[in-house]
Amino acid sequence: MAINNQTIEVNIDELVLHGFSPLERYQIATDLQIELTRLFTGKGLPASFNKGMRIDRLHAGSFQSGNGNKTISIGSQIAGSVYDSFSTEKNKALK
């Protein structure tokens, strides 16, 4: 994705989802990508991206689905957790 004339790449090799139908996985992944793009575009790049980083493993936490479209809600929540993790001290150590 291109943000402010910078190109960044976020590669998620594996997204493990418990409690969801296999049929929902593609929609959740698409919603995750859309929300991550929105967050990077709207909030900008975290300072840790200036140095480059690699996170080998990230636990995005547990999420509650609402009464609306469950996959959009979950994809957005995962994206928020991933975006927030880029600037945490815990994950800086995983570079």
Protein backbone atom coordinates (compact mmCIF):
# COMPACT_ATOMS: atom_id res chain seq x y z
CA MET A 1 0.00 0.00 0.00
CA ALA A 2 1.22 3.55 -0.64
CA ILE A 3 0.95 6.07 2.18
CA ASN A 4 2.14 9.67 1.75
CA ASN A 5 4.41 8.74 -1.16
CA GLN A 6 5.85 5.83 0.87
CA THR A 7 5.21 2.23 -0.01
CA ILE A 8 4.88 -0.18 2.87
CA GLU A 9 4.30 -3.87 2.88
CA VAL A 10 2.57 -5.73 5.68
CA ASN A 11 2.73 -9.46 5.15
CA ILE A 12 0.53 -11.64 7.30
CA ASP A 13 1.61 -15.21 6.64
CA GLU A 14 -1.03 -16.84 8.79
CA LEU A 15 -4.16 -15.57 10.46
CA VAL A 16 -5.48 -18.04 13.02
CA LEU A 17 -9.16 -17.63 13.84
CA HIS A 18 -10.93 -19.82 16.36
CA GLY A 19 -14.71 -20.08 16.48
CA PHE A 20 -15.41 -19.00 12.89
CA SER A 21 -16.70 -20.92 9.93
CA PRO A 22 -14.05 -21.63 7.28
CA LEU A 23 -16.39 -19.86 4.86
CA GLU A 24 -15.88 -16.58 6.78
CA ARG A 25 -12.07 -16.55 6.57
CA TYR A 26 -11.78 -14.73 3.25
CA GLN A 27 -14.22 -12.01 4.23
CA ILE A 28 -12.46 -11.48 7.57
CA ALA A 29 -9.09 -11.25 5.78
CA THR A 30 -10.49 -8.76 3.25
CA ASP A 31 -12.01 -6.62 6.02
CA LEU A 32 -8.70 -6.75 7.89
CA GLN A 33 -6.85 -5.49 4.82
CA ILE A 34 -9.36 -2.69 4.18
CA GLU A 35 -9.22 -1.49 7.78
CA LEU A 36 -5.40 -1.66 7.99
CA THR A 37 -5.20 0.46 4.83
CA ARG A 38 -7.66 2.95 6.34
CA LEU A 39 -5.69 3.14 9.58
CA PHE A 40 -2.33 3.65 7.86
CA THR A 41 -3.81 6.26 5.56
CA GLY A 42 -5.70 8.10 8.30
CA LYS A 43 -3.28 7.85 11.21
CA GLY A 44 -0.02 7.55 9.30
CA LEU A 45 2.89 5.27 9.89
CA PRO A 46 3.97 4.49 13.44
CA ALA A 47 7.48 5.73 14.27
CA SER A 48 8.72 2.14 14.38
CA PHE A 49 8.29 1.92 10.60
CA ASN A 50 11.09 4.45 10.10
CA LYS A 51 13.56 1.85 11.33
CA GLY A 52 11.97 -1.16 9.71
CA MET A 53 10.69 -4.00 11.81
CA ARG A 54 9.81 -7.63 11.79
CA ILE A 55 7.30 -9.18 14.13
CA ASP A 56 7.53 -12.94 14.06
CA ARG A 57 4.37 -13.50 16.05
CA LEU A 58 1.56 -11.27 17.19
CA HIS A 59 -1.34 -12.21 19.41
CA ALA A 60 -4.15 -9.84 18.46
CA GLY A 61 -6.30 -10.81 21.43
CA SER A 62 -9.90 -11.87 21.80
CA PHE A 63 -12.81 -10.09 20.20
CA GLN A 64 -16.55 -9.90 20.66
CA SER A 65 -18.79 -9.85 17.62
CA GLY A 66 -21.83 -7.61 17.68
CA ASN A 67 -25.25 -8.08 16.18
CA GLY A 68 -24.21 -6.65 12.80
CA ASN A 69 -21.94 -8.18 10.20
CA LYS A 70 -19.68 -10.35 12.35
CA THR A 71 -16.85 -10.64 9.82
CA ILE A 72 -16.51 -6.88 9.26
CA SER A 73 -16.49 -6.27 13.00
CA ILE A 74 -13.85 -8.93 13.63
CA GLY A 75 -11.67 -7.86 10.68
CA SER A 76 -11.76 -4.25 11.91
CA GLN A 77 -10.94 -5.22 15.49
CA ILE A 78 -8.00 -7.36 14.39
CA ALA A 79 -6.70 -4.52 12.18
CA GLY A 80 -6.88 -2.08 15.10
CA SER A 81 -4.99 -4.46 17.34
CA VAL A 82 -2.32 -5.09 14.68
CA TYR A 83 -1.91 -1.37 13.98
CA ASP A 84 -1.64 -0.53 17.68
CA SER A 85 0.92 -3.29 18.21
CA PHE A 86 3.39 -1.68 15.80
CA SER A 87 4.25 0.95 18.37
CA THR A 88 4.27 -1.12 21.56
CA GLU A 89 7.48 -1.76 23.46
CA LYS A 90 6.75 -5.49 23.59
CA ASN A 91 6.79 -5.83 19.82
CA LYS A 92 9.77 -3.52 19.30
CA ALA A 93 11.82 -6.22 20.97
CA LEU A 94 10.74 -8.69 18.29
CA LYS A 95 12.51 -6.83 15.45
